[in-house]
Amino acid sequence: FPYEYPSEQVGLALAGGGLEQALFNLPPGDWAKGERGMAAIPG
């Protein structure tokens, strides 16, 4: 997850390393409280 950082900063760090972004996850809910996604949770 990149969501703790502004998207522009993540993009700049990626470009600064000359790197390609392969993958990241959609927001998972409250990770700190143990949530691991919402896609299969009604409501």
PDB file of all heavy atoms in Angstrom:
ATOM      1  N   PHE A   1       0.828  -1.200   0.000  1.00  0.00           N
ATOM      2  CA  PHE A   1       0.000   0.000   0.000  1.00  0.00           C
ATOM      3  C   PHE A   1       0.867   1.256   0.000  1.00  0.00           C
ATOM      4  O   PHE A   1       1.821   1.335   0.766  1.00  0.00           O
ATOM      5  CB  PHE A   1      -0.904   0.039   1.241  1.00  0.00           C
ATOM      6  CG  PHE A   1      -1.615  -1.261   1.507  1.00  0.00           C
ATOM      7  CD1 PHE A   1      -1.230  -2.066   2.568  1.00  0.00           C
ATOM      8  CD2 PHE A   1      -2.653  -1.677   0.700  1.00  0.00           C
ATOM      9  CE1 PHE A   1      -1.867  -3.262   2.825  1.00  0.00           C
ATOM     10  CE2 PHE A   1      -3.299  -2.871   0.938  1.00  0.00           C
ATOM     11  CZ  PHE A   1      -2.908  -3.679   2.003  1.00  0.00           C
ATOM     12  N   PRO A   2       0.508   2.250  -0.813  1.00  0.00           N
ATOM     13  CA  PRO A   2       1.256   3.514  -0.814  1.00  0.00           C
ATOM     14  C   PRO A   2       0.531   4.647  -0.099  1.00  0.00           C
ATOM     15  O   PRO A   2       0.998   5.785  -0.103  1.00  0.00           O
ATOM     16  CB  PRO A   2       1.319   3.828  -2.316  1.00  0.00           C
ATOM     17  CG  PRO A   2      -0.002   3.327  -2.830  1.00  0.00           C
ATOM     18  CD  PRO A   2      -0.362   2.119  -1.986  1.00  0.00           C
ATOM     19  N   TYR A   3      -0.614   4.367   0.517  1.00  0.00           N
ATOM     20  CA  TYR A   3      -1.571   5.420   0.839  1.00  0.00           C
ATOM     21  C   TYR A   3      -1.184   6.316   2.006  1.00  0.00           C
ATOM     22  O   TYR A   3      -1.852   7.327   2.259  1.00  0.00           O
ATOM     23  CB  TYR A   3      -2.952   4.795   1.063  1.00  0.00           C
ATOM     24  CG  TYR A   3      -3.356   3.911  -0.103  1.00  0.00           C
ATOM     25  CD1 TYR A   3      -3.500   2.527   0.058  1.00  0.00           C
ATOM     26  CD2 TYR A   3      -3.556   4.456  -1.370  1.00  0.00           C
ATOM     27  CE1 TYR A   3      -3.838   1.720  -1.014  1.00  0.00           C
ATOM     28  CE2 TYR A   3      -3.890   3.651  -2.445  1.00  0.00           C
ATOM     29  CZ  TYR A   3      -4.031   2.278  -2.265  1.00  0.00           C
ATOM     30  OH  TYR A   3      -4.350   1.500  -3.334  1.00  0.00           O
ATOM     31  N   GLU A   4      -0.123   5.970   2.729  1.00  0.00           N
ATOM     32  CA  GLU A   4       0.340   6.852   3.801  1.00  0.00           C
ATOM     33  C   GLU A   4       1.126   8.040   3.253  1.00  0.00           C
ATOM     34  O   GLU A   4       1.430   8.983   3.998  1.00  0.00           O
ATOM     35  CB  GLU A   4       1.228   6.077   4.775  1.00  0.00           C
ATOM     36  CG  GLU A   4       0.503   5.011   5.572  1.00  0.00           C
ATOM     37  CD  GLU A   4       1.425   4.318   6.557  1.00  0.00           C
ATOM     38  OE1 GLU A   4       2.541   4.821   6.786  1.00  0.00           O
ATOM     39  OE2 GLU A   4       1.029   3.264   7.092  1.00  0.00           O
ATOM     40  N   TYR A   5       1.442   8.014   1.978  1.00  0.00           N
ATOM     41  CA  TYR A   5       2.281   9.040   1.369  1.00  0.00           C
ATOM     42  C   TYR A   5       1.519   9.694   0.217  1.00  0.00           C
ATOM     43  O   TYR A   5       0.768   9.018  -0.492  1.00  0.00           O
ATOM     44  CB  TYR A   5       3.583   8.425   0.845  1.00  0.00           C
ATOM     45  CG  TYR A   5       4.343   7.687   1.922  1.00  0.00           C
ATOM     46  CD1 TYR A   5       4.090   6.339   2.167  1.00  0.00           C
ATOM     47  CD2 TYR A   5       5.287   8.337   2.705  1.00  0.00           C
ATOM     48  CE1 TYR A   5       4.774   5.662   3.174  1.00  0.00           C
ATOM     49  CE2 TYR A   5       5.966   7.675   3.708  1.00  0.00           C
ATOM     50  CZ  TYR A   5       5.692   6.327   3.938  1.00  0.00           C
ATOM     51  OH  TYR A   5       6.360   5.675   4.941  1.00  0.00           O
ATOM     52  N   PRO A   6       1.717  10.991  -0.016  1.00  0.00           N
ATOM     53  CA  PRO A   6       1.062  11.635  -1.153  1.00  0.00           C
ATOM     54  C   PRO A   6       1.444  10.945  -2.460  1.00  0.00           C
ATOM     55  O   PRO A   6       2.593  10.536  -2.649  1.00  0.00           O
ATOM     56  CB  PRO A   6       1.601  13.070  -1.102  1.00  0.00           C
ATOM     57  CG  PRO A   6       1.995  13.278   0.329  1.00  0.00           C
ATOM     58  CD  PRO A   6       2.500  11.950   0.796  1.00  0.00           C
ATOM     59  N   SER A   7       0.495  10.813  -3.345  1.00  0.00           N
ATOM     60  CA  SER A   7       0.744  10.089  -4.596  1.00  0.00           C
ATOM     61  C   SER A   7       1.880  10.726  -5.396  1.00  0.00           C
ATOM     62  O   SER A   7       2.667  10.024  -6.040  1.00  0.00           O
ATOM     63  CB  SER A   7      -0.532  10.045  -5.442  1.00  0.00           C
ATOM     64  OG  SER A   7      -0.998  11.354  -5.746  1.00  0.00           O
ATOM     65  N   GLU A   8       1.993  12.054  -5.321  1.00  0.00           N
ATOM     66  CA  GLU A   8       3.058  12.722  -6.076  1.00  0.00           C
ATOM     67  C   GLU A   8       4.436  12.312  -5.563  1.00  0.00           C
ATOM     68  O   GLU A   8       5.372  12.136  -6.350  1.00  0.00           O
ATOM     69  CB  GLU A   8       2.892  14.245  -5.980  1.00  0.00           C
ATOM     70  CG  GLU A   8       1.622  14.779  -6.605  1.00  0.00           C
ATOM     71  CD  GLU A   8       0.414  14.702  -5.686  1.00  0.00           C
ATOM     72  OE1 GLU A   8       0.558  14.188  -4.541  1.00  0.00           O
ATOM     73  OE2 GLU A   8      -0.669  15.153  -6.094  1.00  0.00           O
ATOM     74  N   GLN A   9       4.569  12.153  -4.231  1.00  0.00           N
ATOM     75  CA  GLN A   9       5.854  11.745  -3.667  1.00  0.00           C
ATOM     76  C   GLN A   9       6.221  10.318  -4.090  1.00  0.00           C
ATOM     77  O   GLN A   9       7.381  10.028  -4.376  1.00  0.00           O
ATOM     78  CB  GLN A   9       5.818  11.840  -2.147  1.00  0.00           C
ATOM     79  CG  GLN A   9       5.789  13.256  -1.608  1.00  0.00           C
ATOM     80  CD  GLN A   9       5.889  13.296  -0.091  1.00  0.00           C
ATOM     81  OE1 GLN A   9       6.251  12.308   0.555  1.00  0.00           O
ATOM     82  NE2 GLN A   9       5.558  14.446   0.493  1.00  0.00           N
ATOM     83  N   VAL A  10       5.236   9.451  -4.114  1.00  0.00           N
ATOM     84  CA  VAL A  10       5.488   8.077  -4.549  1.00  0.00           C
ATOM     85  C   VAL A  10       5.912   8.062  -6.014  1.00  0.00           C
ATOM     86  O   VAL A  10       6.874   7.382  -6.395  1.00  0.00           O
ATOM     87  CB  VAL A  10       4.240   7.198  -4.331  1.00  0.00           C
ATOM     88  CG1 VAL A  10       4.484   5.784  -4.856  1.00  0.00           C
ATOM     89  CG2 VAL A  10       3.867   7.153  -2.859  1.00  0.00           C
ATOM     90  N   GLY A  11       5.232   8.829  -6.832  1.00  0.00           N
ATOM     91  CA  GLY A  11       5.597   8.906  -8.244  1.00  0.00           C
ATOM     92  C   GLY A  11       6.995   9.445  -8.461  1.00  0.00           C
ATOM     93  O   GLY A  11       7.748   8.945  -9.309  1.00  0.00           O
ATOM     94  N   LEU A  12       7.375  10.454  -7.686  1.00  0.00           N
ATOM     95  CA  LEU A  12       8.710  11.032  -7.815  1.00  0.00           C
ATOM     96  C   LEU A  12       9.786  10.042  -7.365  1.00  0.00           C
ATOM     97  O   LEU A  12      10.854   9.943  -7.990  1.00  0.00           O
ATOM     98  CB  LEU A  12       8.809  12.315  -6.992  1.00  0.00           C
ATOM     99  CG  LEU A  12       8.081  13.540  -7.569  1.00  0.00           C
ATOM    100  CD1 LEU A  12       8.069  14.679  -6.556  1.00  0.00           C
ATOM    101  CD2 LEU A  12       8.750  13.985  -8.879  1.00  0.00           C
ATOM    102  N   ALA A  13       9.526   9.311  -6.287  1.00  0.00           N
ATOM    103  CA  ALA A  13      10.495   8.318  -5.813  1.00  0.00           C
ATOM    104  C   ALA A  13      10.677   7.212  -6.849  1.00  0.00           C
ATOM    105  O   ALA A  13      11.799   6.750  -7.093  1.00  0.00           O
ATOM    106  CB  ALA A  13      10.027   7.729  -4.486  1.00  0.00           C
ATOM    107  N   LEU A  14       9.594   6.804  -7.458  1.00  0.00           N
ATOM    108  CA  LEU A  14       9.660   5.780  -8.504  1.00  0.00           C
ATOM    109  C   LEU A  14      10.474   6.280  -9.702  1.00  0.00           C
ATOM    110  O   LEU A  14      11.386   5.594 -10.182  1.00  0.00           O
ATOM    111  CB  LEU A  14       8.243   5.417  -8.939  1.00  0.00           C
ATOM    112  CG  LEU A  14       8.093   4.298  -9.958  1.00  0.00           C
ATOM    113  CD1 LEU A  14       8.368   2.946  -9.316  1.00  0.00           C
ATOM    114  CD2 LEU A  14       6.674   4.313 -10.555  1.00  0.00           C
ATOM    115  N   ALA A  15      10.156   7.478 -10.161  1.00  0.00           N
ATOM    116  CA  ALA A  15      10.867   8.045 -11.312  1.00  0.00           C
ATOM    117  C   ALA A  15      12.326   8.299 -10.983  1.00  0.00           C
ATOM    118  O   ALA A  15      13.214   8.096 -11.822  1.00  0.00           O
ATOM    119  CB  ALA A  15      10.189   9.335 -11.757  1.00  0.00           C
ATOM    120  N   GLY A  16      12.596   8.720  -9.745  1.00  0.00           N
ATOM    121  CA  GLY A  16      13.969   9.000  -9.349  1.00  0.00           C
ATOM    122  C   GLY A  16      14.852   7.776  -9.383  1.00  0.00           C
ATOM    123  O   GLY A  16      16.065   7.881  -9.613  1.00  0.00           O
ATOM    124  N   GLY A  17      14.261   6.602  -9.181  1.00  0.00           N
ATOM    125  CA  GLY A  17      15.020   5.360  -9.259  1.00  0.00           C
ATOM    126  C   GLY A  17      15.037   4.753 -10.647  1.00  0.00           C
ATOM    127  O   GLY A  17      15.668   3.712 -10.855  1.00  0.00           O
ATOM    128  N   GLY A  18      14.316   5.401 -11.589  1.00  0.00           N
ATOM    129  CA  GLY A  18      14.235   4.843 -12.939  1.00  0.00           C
ATOM    130  C   GLY A  18      13.534   3.500 -12.956  1.00  0.00           C
ATOM    131  O   GLY A  18      13.882   2.612 -13.744  1.00  0.00           O
ATOM    132  N   LEU A  19      12.529   3.341 -12.102  1.00  0.00           N
ATOM    133  CA  LEU A  19      11.883   2.058 -11.877  1.00  0.00           C
ATOM    134  C   LEU A  19      10.496   2.002 -12.498  1.00  0.00           C
ATOM    135  O   LEU A  19       9.846   3.028 -12.717  1.00  0.00           O
ATOM    136  CB  LEU A  19      11.747   1.794 -10.381  1.00  0.00           C
ATOM    137  CG  LEU A  19      13.049   1.669  -9.597  1.00  0.00           C
ATOM    138  CD1 LEU A  19      12.797   1.885  -8.112  1.00  0.00           C
ATOM    139  CD2 LEU A  19      13.676   0.300  -9.829  1.00  0.00           C
ATOM    140  N   GLU A  20      10.034   0.779 -12.736  1.00  0.00           N
ATOM    141  CA  GLU A  20       8.671   0.540 -13.181  1.00  0.00           C
ATOM    142  C   GLU A  20       7.862  -0.009 -12.010  1.00  0.00           C
ATOM    143  O   GLU A  20       8.355  -0.836 -11.242  1.00  0.00           O
ATOM    144  CB  GLU A  20       8.666  -0.458 -14.344  1.00  0.00           C
ATOM    145  CG  GLU A  20       7.316  -0.600 -15.024  1.00  0.00           C
ATOM    146  CD  GLU A  20       7.386  -1.378 -16.335  1.00  0.00           C
ATOM    147  OE1 GLU A  20       8.507  -1.634 -16.813  1.00  0.00           O
ATOM    148  OE2 GLU A  20       6.314  -1.721 -16.858  1.00  0.00           O
ATOM    149  N   GLN A  21       6.628   0.460 -11.883  1.00  0.00           N
ATOM    150  CA  GLN A  21       5.745  -0.031 -10.831  1.00  0.00           C
ATOM    151  C   GLN A  21       5.010  -1.269 -11.330  1.00  0.00           C
ATOM    152  O   GLN A  21       4.233  -1.198 -12.273  1.00  0.00           O
ATOM    153  CB  GLN A  21       4.739   1.044 -10.425  1.00  0.00           C
ATOM    154  CG  GLN A  21       3.875   0.686  -9.238  1.00  0.00           C
ATOM    155  CD  GLN A  21       4.650   0.694  -7.936  1.00  0.00           C
ATOM    156  OE1 GLN A  21       5.413   1.619  -7.659  1.00  0.00           O
ATOM    157  NE2 GLN A  21       4.458  -0.329  -7.124  1.00  0.00           N
ATOM    158  N   ALA A  22       5.248  -2.395 -10.675  1.00  0.00           N
ATOM    159  CA  ALA A  22       4.653  -3.650 -11.122  1.00  0.00           C
ATOM    160  C   ALA A  22       3.258  -3.859 -10.577  1.00  0.00           C
ATOM    161  O   ALA A  22       2.387  -4.402 -11.277  1.00  0.00           O
ATOM    162  CB  ALA A  22       5.545  -4.825 -10.714  1.00  0.00           C
ATOM    163  N   LEU A  23       3.024  -3.424  -9.323  1.00  0.00           N
ATOM    164  CA  LEU A  23       1.780  -3.807  -8.646  1.00  0.00           C
ATOM    165  C   LEU A  23       1.657  -3.069  -7.326  1.00  0.00           C
ATOM    166  O   LEU A  23       2.657  -2.746  -6.694  1.00  0.00           O
ATOM    167  CB  LEU A  23       1.825  -5.317  -8.356  1.00  0.00           C
ATOM    168  CG  LEU A  23       0.709  -5.921  -7.496  1.00  0.00           C
ATOM    169  CD1 LEU A  23      -0.536  -6.172  -8.341  1.00  0.00           C
ATOM    170  CD2 LEU A  23       1.164  -7.230  -6.852  1.00  0.00           C
ATOM    171  N   PHE A  24       0.438  -2.794  -6.898  1.00  0.00           N
ATOM    172  CA  PHE A  24       0.127  -2.548  -5.498  1.00  0.00           C
ATOM    173  C   PHE A  24      -1.332  -2.908  -5.264  1.00  0.00           C
ATOM    174  O   PHE A  24      -2.054  -3.278  -6.192  1.00  0.00           O
ATOM    175  CB  PHE A  24       0.478  -1.125  -5.031  1.00  0.00           C
ATOM    176  CG  PHE A  24      -0.213   0.007  -5.752  1.00  0.00           C
ATOM    177  CD1 PHE A  24      -1.476   0.434  -5.373  1.00  0.00           C
ATOM    178  CD2 PHE A  24       0.429   0.679  -6.787  1.00  0.00           C
ATOM    179  CE1 PHE A  24      -2.094   1.498  -6.010  1.00  0.00           C
ATOM    180  CE2 PHE A  24      -0.183   1.746  -7.433  1.00  0.00           C
ATOM    181  CZ  PHE A  24      -1.453   2.152  -7.049  1.00  0.00           C
ATOM    182  N   ASN A  25      -1.777  -2.816  -4.015  1.00  0.00           N
ATOM    183  CA  ASN A  25      -3.112  -3.270  -3.632  1.00  0.00           C
ATOM    184  C   ASN A  25      -4.095  -2.114  -3.545  1.00  0.00           C
ATOM    185  O   ASN A  25      -3.732  -0.993  -3.160  1.00  0.00           O
ATOM    186  CB  ASN A  25      -3.076  -3.955  -2.264  1.00  0.00           C
ATOM    187  CG  ASN A  25      -2.271  -5.233  -2.262  1.00  0.00           C
ATOM    188  OD1 ASN A  25      -1.921  -5.775  -3.297  1.00  0.00           O
ATOM    189  ND2 ASN A  25      -1.979  -5.732  -1.068  1.00  0.00           N
ATOM    190  N   LEU A  26      -5.346  -2.413  -3.817  1.00  0.00           N
ATOM    191  CA  LEU A  26      -6.412  -1.475  -3.496  1.00  0.00           C
ATOM    192  C   LEU A  26      -6.479  -1.287  -1.980  1.00  0.00           C
ATOM    193  O   LEU A  26      -6.039  -2.156  -1.217  1.00  0.00           O
ATOM    194  CB  LEU A  26      -7.748  -2.017  -4.002  1.00  0.00           C
ATOM    195  CG  LEU A  26      -7.923  -2.161  -5.519  1.00  0.00           C
ATOM    196  CD1 LEU A  26      -9.246  -2.852  -5.830  1.00  0.00           C
ATOM    197  CD2 LEU A  26      -7.858  -0.812  -6.217  1.00  0.00           C
ATOM    198  N   PRO A  27      -7.033  -0.184  -1.493  1.00  0.00           N
ATOM    199  CA  PRO A  27      -7.149   0.009  -0.042  1.00  0.00           C
ATOM    200  C   PRO A  27      -7.863  -1.177   0.620  1.00  0.00           C
ATOM    201  O   PRO A  27      -8.882  -1.656   0.124  1.00  0.00           O
ATOM    202  CB  PRO A  27      -7.960   1.295   0.071  1.00  0.00           C
ATOM    203  CG  PRO A  27      -7.624   2.059  -1.175  1.00  0.00           C
ATOM    204  CD  PRO A  27      -7.509   1.007  -2.245  1.00  0.00           C
ATOM    205  N   PRO A  28      -7.337  -1.638   1.783  1.00  0.00           N
ATOM    206  CA  PRO A  28      -7.848  -2.866   2.397  1.00  0.00           C
ATOM    207  C   PRO A  28      -8.837  -2.665   3.531  1.00  0.00           C
ATOM    208  O   PRO A  28      -9.220  -3.630   4.191  1.00  0.00           O
ATOM    209  CB  PRO A  28      -6.576  -3.482   2.952  1.00  0.00           C
ATOM    210  CG  PRO A  28      -5.799  -2.290   3.437  1.00  0.00           C
ATOM    211  CD  PRO A  28      -6.097  -1.182   2.438  1.00  0.00           C
ATOM    212  N   GLY A  29      -9.252  -1.418   3.785  1.00  0.00           N
ATOM    213  CA  GLY A  29      -9.988  -1.146   5.017  1.00  0.00           C
ATOM    214  C   GLY A  29      -9.007  -0.745   6.100  1.00  0.00           C
ATOM    215  O   GLY A  29      -7.935  -0.205   5.814  1.00  0.00           O
ATOM    216  N   ASP A  30      -9.338  -1.023   7.342  1.00  0.00           N
ATOM    217  CA  ASP A  30      -8.474  -0.642   8.463  1.00  0.00           C
ATOM    218  C   ASP A  30      -7.473  -1.766   8.742  1.00  0.00           C
ATOM    219  O   ASP A  30      -7.735  -2.682   9.511  1.00  0.00           O
ATOM    220  CB  ASP A  30      -9.319  -0.363   9.706  1.00  0.00           C
ATOM    221  CG  ASP A  30      -8.530   0.357  10.794  1.00  0.00           C
ATOM    222  OD1 ASP A  30      -7.297   0.158  10.859  1.00  0.00           O
ATOM    223  OD2 ASP A  30      -9.141   1.112  11.572  1.00  0.00           O
ATOM    224  N   TRP A  31      -6.320  -1.672   8.124  1.00  0.00           N
ATOM    225  CA  TRP A  31      -5.288  -2.704   8.241  1.00  0.00           C
ATOM    226  C   TRP A  31      -4.816  -2.850   9.682  1.00  0.00           C
ATOM    227  O   TRP A  31      -4.606  -3.969  10.168  1.00  0.00           O
ATOM    228  CB  TRP A  31      -4.123  -2.350   7.316  1.00  0.00           C
ATOM    229  CG  TRP A  31      -3.053  -3.382   7.215  1.00  0.00           C
ATOM    230  CD1 TRP A  31      -1.924  -3.480   7.970  1.00  0.00           C
ATOM    231  CD2 TRP A  31      -2.999  -4.476   6.291  1.00  0.00           C
ATOM    232  NE1 TRP A  31      -1.168  -4.559   7.575  1.00  0.00           N
ATOM    233  CE2 TRP A  31      -1.797  -5.192   6.538  1.00  0.00           C
ATOM    234  CE3 TRP A  31      -3.840  -4.913   5.272  1.00  0.00           C
ATOM    235  CZ2 TRP A  31      -1.424  -6.315   5.818  1.00  0.00           C
ATOM    236  CZ3 TRP A  31      -3.463  -6.030   4.535  1.00  0.00           C
ATOM    237  CH2 TRP A  31      -2.278  -6.731   4.812  1.00  0.00           C
ATOM    238  N   ALA A  32      -4.661  -1.748  10.378  1.00  0.00           N
ATOM    239  CA  ALA A  32      -4.164  -1.784  11.756  1.00  0.00           C
ATOM    240  C   ALA A  32      -5.113  -2.542  12.682  1.00  0.00           C
ATOM    241  O   ALA A  32      -4.687  -3.122  13.678  1.00  0.00           O
ATOM    242  CB  ALA A  32      -3.949  -0.368  12.274  1.00  0.00           C
ATOM    243  N   LYS A  33      -6.381  -2.550  12.350  1.00  0.00           N
ATOM    244  CA  LYS A  33      -7.366  -3.270  13.155  1.00  0.00           C
ATOM    245  C   LYS A  33      -7.600  -4.699  12.649  1.00  0.00           C
ATOM    246  O   LYS A  33      -8.500  -5.384  13.143  1.00  0.00           O
ATOM    247  CB  LYS A  33      -8.685  -2.505  13.167  1.00  0.00           C
ATOM    248  CG  LYS A  33      -8.609  -1.201  13.965  1.00  0.00           C
ATOM    249  CD  LYS A  33      -9.972  -0.533  14.045  1.00  0.00           C
ATOM    250  CE  LYS A  33      -9.902   0.737  14.890  1.00  0.00           C
ATOM    251  NZ  LYS A  33     -11.225   1.413  14.958  1.00  0.00           N
ATOM    252  N   GLY A  34      -6.798  -5.120  11.660  1.00  0.00           N
ATOM    253  CA  GLY A  34      -6.890  -6.496  11.209  1.00  0.00           C
ATOM    254  C   GLY A  34      -7.702  -6.722   9.957  1.00  0.00           C
ATOM    255  O   GLY A  34      -7.842  -7.868   9.507  1.00  0.00           O
ATOM    256  N   GLU A  35      -8.230  -5.656   9.368  1.00  0.00           N
ATOM    257  CA  GLU A  35      -8.996  -5.841   8.133  1.00  0.00           C
ATOM    258  C   GLU A  35      -8.052  -6.153   6.988  1.00  0.00           C
ATOM    259  O   GLU A  35      -6.956  -5.593   6.889  1.00  0.00           O
ATOM    260  CB  GLU A  35      -9.833  -4.600   7.834  1.00  0.00           C
ATOM    261  CG  GLU A  35     -10.944  -4.393   8.841  1.00  0.00           C
ATOM    262  CD  GLU A  35     -11.892  -3.267   8.473  1.00  0.00           C
ATOM    263  OE1 GLU A  35     -11.518  -2.402   7.659  1.00  0.00           O
ATOM    264  OE2 GLU A  35     -13.014  -3.255   9.008  1.00  0.00           O
ATOM    265  N   ARG A  36      -8.499  -7.034   6.117  1.00  0.00           N
ATOM    266  CA  ARG A  36      -7.675  -7.476   4.995  1.00  0.00           C
ATOM    267  C   ARG A  36      -8.468  -7.441   3.693  1.00  0.00           C
ATOM    268  O   ARG A  36      -8.486  -8.374   2.908  1.00  0.00           O
ATOM    269  CB  ARG A  36      -7.143  -8.903   5.255  1.00  0.00           C
ATOM    270  CG  ARG A  36      -6.184  -8.999   6.454  1.00  0.00           C
ATOM    271  CD  ARG A  36      -4.934  -8.181   6.238  1.00  0.00           C
ATOM    272  NE  ARG A  36      -3.964  -8.288   7.318  1.00  0.00           N
ATOM    273  CZ  ARG A  36      -3.847  -7.408   8.312  1.00  0.00           C
ATOM    274  NH1 ARG A  36      -4.665  -6.366   8.387  1.00  0.00           N
ATOM    275  NH2 ARG A  36      -2.921  -7.562   9.246  1.00  0.00           N
ATOM    276  N   GLY A  37      -9.120  -6.310   3.472  1.00  0.00           N
ATOM    277  CA  GLY A  37      -9.919  -6.133   2.282  1.00  0.00           C
ATOM    278  C   GLY A  37     -11.396  -6.062   2.594  1.00  0.00           C
ATOM    279  O   GLY A  37     -11.840  -6.412   3.699  1.00  0.00           O
ATOM    280  N   MET A  38     -12.174  -5.599   1.605  1.00  0.00           N
ATOM    281  CA  MET A  38     -13.614  -5.404   1.784  1.00  0.00           C
ATOM    282  C   MET A  38     -14.449  -6.043   0.690  1.00  0.00           C
ATOM    283  O   MET A  38     -15.673  -6.037   0.755  1.00  0.00           O
ATOM    284  CB  MET A  38     -13.916  -3.901   1.803  1.00  0.00           C
ATOM    285  CG  MET A  38     -13.228  -3.135   2.910  1.00  0.00           C
ATOM    286  SD  MET A  38     -13.397  -1.341   2.695  1.00  0.00           S
ATOM    287  CE  MET A  38     -12.113  -1.036   1.456  1.00  0.00           C
ATOM    288  N   ALA A  39     -13.811  -6.594  -0.325  1.00  0.00           N
ATOM    289  CA  ALA A  39     -14.524  -6.988  -1.539  1.00  0.00           C
ATOM    290  C   ALA A  39     -15.597  -8.039  -1.294  1.00  0.00           C
ATOM    291  O   ALA A  39     -16.603  -8.079  -2.008  1.00  0.00           O
ATOM    292  CB  ALA A  39     -13.536  -7.485  -2.594  1.00  0.00           C
ATOM    293  N   ALA A  40     -15.412  -8.917  -0.320  1.00  0.00           N
ATOM    294  CA  ALA A  40     -16.378  -9.991  -0.056  1.00  0.00           C
ATOM    295  C   ALA A  40     -17.219  -9.715   1.181  1.00  0.00           C
ATOM    296  O   ALA A  40     -17.858 -10.635   1.707  1.00  0.00           O
ATOM    297  CB  ALA A  40     -15.645 -11.327   0.103  1.00  0.00           C
ATOM    298  N   ILE A  41     -17.250  -8.479   1.632  1.00  0.00           N
ATOM    299  CA  ILE A  41     -17.967  -8.153   2.859  1.00  0.00           C
ATOM    300  C   ILE A  41     -19.197  -7.314   2.524  1.00  0.00           C
ATOM    301  O   ILE A  41     -19.074  -6.143   2.143  1.00  0.00           O
ATOM    302  CB  ILE A  41     -17.050  -7.413   3.843  1.00  0.00           C
ATOM    303  CG1 ILE A  41     -15.817  -8.264   4.163  1.00  0.00           C
ATOM    304  CG2 ILE A  41     -17.811  -7.068   5.122  1.00  0.00           C
ATOM    305  CD1 ILE A  41     -14.831  -7.612   5.083  1.00  0.00           C
ATOM    306  N   PRO A  42     -20.390  -7.882   2.643  1.00  0.00           N
ATOM    307  CA  PRO A  42     -21.614  -7.115   2.372  1.00  0.00           C
ATOM    308  C   PRO A  42     -21.701  -5.888   3.266  1.00  0.00           C
ATOM    309  O   PRO A  42     -21.314  -5.916   4.435  1.00  0.00           O
ATOM    310  CB  PRO A  42     -22.728  -8.124   2.706  1.00  0.00           C
ATOM    311  CG  PRO A  42     -22.098  -9.468   2.567  1.00  0.00           C
ATOM    312  CD  PRO A  42     -20.671  -9.271   3.020  1.00  0.00           C
ATOM    313  N   GLY A  43     -22.168  -4.789   2.679  1.00  0.00           N
ATOM    314  CA  GLY A  43     -22.325  -3.558   3.432  1.00  0.00           C
ATOM    315  C   GLY A  43     -21.153  -2.608   3.344  1.00  0.00           C
ATOM    316  O   GLY A  43     -21.237  -1.483   3.834  1.00  0.00           O
TER     317      GLY A  43
END
